[in-house]
Amino acid sequence: MQAVIYNGRKYRKHPKQKYYYSSRNVGAYSRCLHRQMWYDAYGEIPKGMAVHHKDGNAFNNSIENLELKDRGKHQSEHMAERLKQDPELYKRLQSAGIKIAPEWHRSPAGIEWHKQHAANFKFGTRKYGERICKRCSGKYEANHFKQKFCSNKCKQANLYWSRKLQKDRS
């Protein structure tokens, strides 16, 4: 097990970990060496940002080698690198995700995520303008971009007559 001393505190690199970690919180901040070094040099790491090693070497924690990146962009870049090294990785991740997705979608966290996502996109509350019903020619306010009928009654009537016409033609 490798170890580094920084500001009087020991940071260890365990075999299955990518970074150096302290066994306890440093102040009230981070146990990760590179994040602690950034904090000591520049202050608080803004929410949604990640401390990135410019040269890709997670053991090179010199302050000149560290930079802030948007967390999403940072993760995308690292995933792209991993996929270049192992093209089958995506298929393995996808197959594992497909197996556990139904369970997550039914979980309280999954249900809450869907509710928030629907609220963010104003699901069910958007209006798509005034239209004319394809069945009765009445005016109505569309609730969906594909909506063609003013009501289910008109939609069903149209479906009934369409099927009847197809039967008569055959």
Protein backbone atom coordinates (compact mmCIF):
# COMPACT_ATOMS: atom_id res chain seq x y z
CA MET A 1 0.00 0.00 0.00
CA GLN A 2 1.51 3.31 -1.13
CA ALA A 3 1.33 6.37 1.12
CA VAL A 4 1.92 10.13 0.75
CA ILE A 5 2.22 12.70 3.54
CA TYR A 6 0.52 16.05 2.83
CA ASN A 7 0.17 18.81 5.47
CA GLY A 8 1.05 16.29 8.17
CA ARG A 9 -1.71 13.86 7.17
CA LYS A 10 -1.15 10.43 5.61
CA TYR A 11 -2.93 9.61 2.34
CA ARG A 12 -2.93 6.01 1.18
CA LYS A 13 -3.44 4.41 -2.20
CA HIS A 14 -5.22 1.09 -1.79
CA PRO A 15 -4.83 -1.49 -4.60
CA LYS A 16 -8.40 -1.14 -5.91
CA GLN A 17 -8.61 2.65 -5.62
CA LYS A 18 -7.62 5.20 -8.22
CA TYR A 19 -6.66 8.08 -5.89
CA TYR A 20 -4.91 8.74 -2.60
CA TYR A 21 -7.35 8.93 0.33
CA SER A 22 -7.06 9.95 3.98
CA SER A 23 -8.59 7.55 6.48
CA ARG A 24 -10.53 10.44 8.02
CA ASN A 25 -12.06 13.70 6.89
CA VAL A 26 -9.60 16.53 6.47
CA GLY A 27 -11.18 19.42 8.38
CA ALA A 28 -14.73 19.28 7.20
CA TYR A 29 -13.78 18.89 3.57
CA SER A 30 -12.42 16.02 1.51
CA ARG A 31 -10.62 12.75 2.07
CA CYS A 32 -9.27 12.79 -1.51
CA LEU A 33 -5.73 14.18 -1.81
CA HIS A 34 -6.15 15.98 -5.14
CA ARG A 35 -9.41 17.63 -4.00
CA GLN A 36 -7.82 18.68 -0.70
CA MET A 37 -4.84 20.18 -2.55
CA TRP A 38 -7.19 22.16 -4.82
CA TYR A 39 -9.14 23.38 -1.79
CA ASP A 40 -5.97 24.48 0.00
CA ALA A 41 -4.72 26.36 -3.09
CA TYR A 42 -7.94 27.91 -4.47
CA GLY A 43 -10.72 27.41 -1.93
CA GLU A 44 -14.13 25.79 -2.25
CA ILE A 45 -14.79 23.55 -5.27
CA PRO A 46 -18.01 24.83 -6.87
CA LYS A 47 -20.98 22.47 -6.98
CA GLY A 48 -21.11 20.50 -10.24
CA MET A 49 -17.36 20.77 -10.81
CA ALA A 50 -14.65 18.08 -10.65
CA VAL A 51 -10.91 18.35 -10.05
CA HIS A 52 -9.24 16.81 -13.10
CA HIS A 53 -5.66 15.60 -13.57
CA LYS A 54 -4.56 17.28 -16.84
CA ASP A 55 -1.99 14.61 -17.76
CA GLY A 56 -4.37 11.73 -16.93
CA ASN A 57 -2.05 10.48 -14.17
CA ALA A 58 -4.09 10.27 -10.95
CA PHE A 59 -0.86 10.07 -8.93
CA ASN A 60 0.54 13.35 -10.25
CA ASN A 61 -1.10 15.66 -7.73
CA SER A 62 1.03 18.76 -8.36
CA ILE A 63 -1.22 21.81 -8.33
CA GLU A 64 -0.11 22.69 -11.90
CA ASN A 65 -1.54 19.34 -13.04
CA LEU A 66 -4.98 19.98 -11.56
CA GLU A 67 -7.87 21.85 -13.19
CA LEU A 68 -11.59 22.28 -12.62
CA LYS A 69 -14.00 20.79 -15.16
CA ASP A 70 -17.74 20.51 -15.36
CA ARG A 71 -18.55 17.17 -13.67
CA GLY A 72 -20.70 15.87 -16.55
CA LYS A 73 -18.12 16.78 -19.20
CA HIS A 74 -15.36 15.28 -17.03
CA GLN A 75 -17.20 11.97 -16.69
CA SER A 76 -18.03 11.88 -20.42
CA GLU A 77 -14.39 12.38 -21.39
CA HIS A 78 -13.20 9.62 -19.07
CA MET A 79 -15.91 7.25 -20.31
CA ALA A 80 -14.90 7.94 -23.92
CA GLU A 81 -11.30 7.00 -23.02
CA ARG A 82 -12.46 3.81 -21.31
CA LEU A 83 -14.56 2.84 -24.35
CA LYS A 84 -11.55 3.30 -26.66
CA GLN A 85 -9.55 0.93 -24.46
CA ASP A 86 -12.39 -1.60 -24.11
CA PRO A 87 -15.04 -1.38 -26.89
CA GLU A 88 -17.10 -4.17 -25.30
CA LEU A 89 -17.50 -2.17 -22.05
CA TYR A 90 -20.61 -0.36 -23.31
CA LYS A 91 -22.35 -3.65 -24.14
CA ARG A 92 -21.56 -5.06 -20.68
CA LEU A 93 -22.79 -1.89 -18.95
CA GLN A 94 -25.92 -1.80 -21.08
CA SER A 95 -26.77 -5.42 -20.37
CA ALA A 96 -26.26 -4.91 -16.62
CA GLY A 97 -28.39 -1.75 -16.75
CA ILE A 98 -31.23 -3.48 -18.59
CA LYS A 99 -31.40 -6.11 -15.84
CA ILE A 100 -31.66 -3.62 -12.96
CA ALA A 101 -33.60 -0.77 -14.65
CA PRO A 102 -37.13 -2.11 -13.99
CA GLU A 103 -36.40 -2.44 -10.28
CA TRP A 104 -35.04 1.13 -10.11
CA HIS A 105 -37.99 2.58 -12.04
CA ARG A 106 -40.38 1.04 -9.46
CA SER A 107 -38.33 2.22 -6.48
CA PRO A 108 -39.26 5.38 -4.52
CA ALA A 109 -36.15 7.11 -5.94
CA GLY A 110 -37.10 6.14 -9.52
CA ILE A 111 -40.70 7.28 -9.09
CA GLU A 112 -39.54 10.59 -7.58
CA TRP A 113 -37.09 11.10 -10.47
CA HIS A 114 -39.88 10.56 -13.03
CA LYS A 115 -42.18 12.98 -11.19
CA GLN A 116 -39.46 15.65 -11.14
CA HIS A 117 -38.56 15.01 -14.79
CA ALA A 118 -42.21 15.34 -15.82
CA ALA A 119 -42.55 18.58 -13.83
CA ASN A 120 -39.37 20.01 -15.37
CA PHE A 121 -40.73 19.40 -18.86
CA LYS A 122 -44.27 20.55 -17.95
CA PHE A 123 -45.65 17.14 -18.90
CA GLY A 124 -49.42 17.26 -19.34
CA THR A 125 -49.61 21.05 -19.00
CA ARG A 126 -48.18 22.24 -22.31
CA LYS A 127 -50.54 23.60 -24.94
CA TYR A 128 -49.90 23.13 -28.64
CA GLY A 129 -52.26 25.73 -30.01
CA GLU A 130 -55.76 25.75 -31.38
CA ARG A 131 -56.57 23.09 -33.97
CA ILE A 132 -59.49 21.78 -35.98
CA CYS A 133 -60.72 18.23 -35.31
CA LYS A 134 -60.21 15.83 -38.25
CA ARG A 135 -63.56 14.19 -37.45
CA CYS A 136 -66.09 16.86 -36.46
CA SER A 137 -64.25 20.00 -37.67
CA GLY A 138 -64.70 21.58 -34.23
CA LYS A 139 -62.01 23.82 -32.74
CA TYR A 140 -60.03 22.56 -29.73
CA GLU A 141 -56.85 23.32 -27.76
CA ALA A 142 -54.23 20.59 -28.47
CA ASN A 143 -52.49 19.01 -25.46
CA HIS A 144 -50.06 16.98 -27.54
CA PHE A 145 -48.09 17.76 -30.68
CA LYS A 146 -49.60 14.75 -32.54
CA GLN A 147 -53.19 15.33 -31.42
CA LYS A 148 -55.66 15.24 -34.36
CA PHE A 149 -59.03 14.92 -32.65
CA CYS A 150 -60.89 17.06 -30.14
CA SER A 151 -61.92 14.10 -27.98
CA ASN A 152 -61.68 10.34 -27.57
CA LYS A 153 -65.23 10.12 -28.94
CA CYS A 154 -64.11 11.63 -32.27
CA LYS A 155 -60.93 9.56 -32.28
CA GLN A 156 -62.86 6.30 -31.74
CA ALA A 157 -65.50 7.22 -34.32
CA ASN A 158 -62.77 7.92 -36.87
CA LEU A 159 -61.08 4.60 -36.06
CA TYR A 160 -64.41 2.73 -36.39
CA TRP A 161 -65.20 4.23 -39.81
CA SER A 162 -61.63 3.75 -41.06
CA ARG A 163 -61.80 0.04 -40.23
CA LYS A 164 -65.26 -0.28 -41.74
CA LEU A 165 -64.08 1.31 -44.99
CA GLN A 166 -61.07 -1.03 -45.15
CA LYS A 167 -63.34 -4.08 -44.72
CA ASP A 168 -65.71 -2.86 -47.43
CA ARG A 169 -62.82 -2.39 -49.86
CA SER A 170 -61.50 -5.93 -49.42
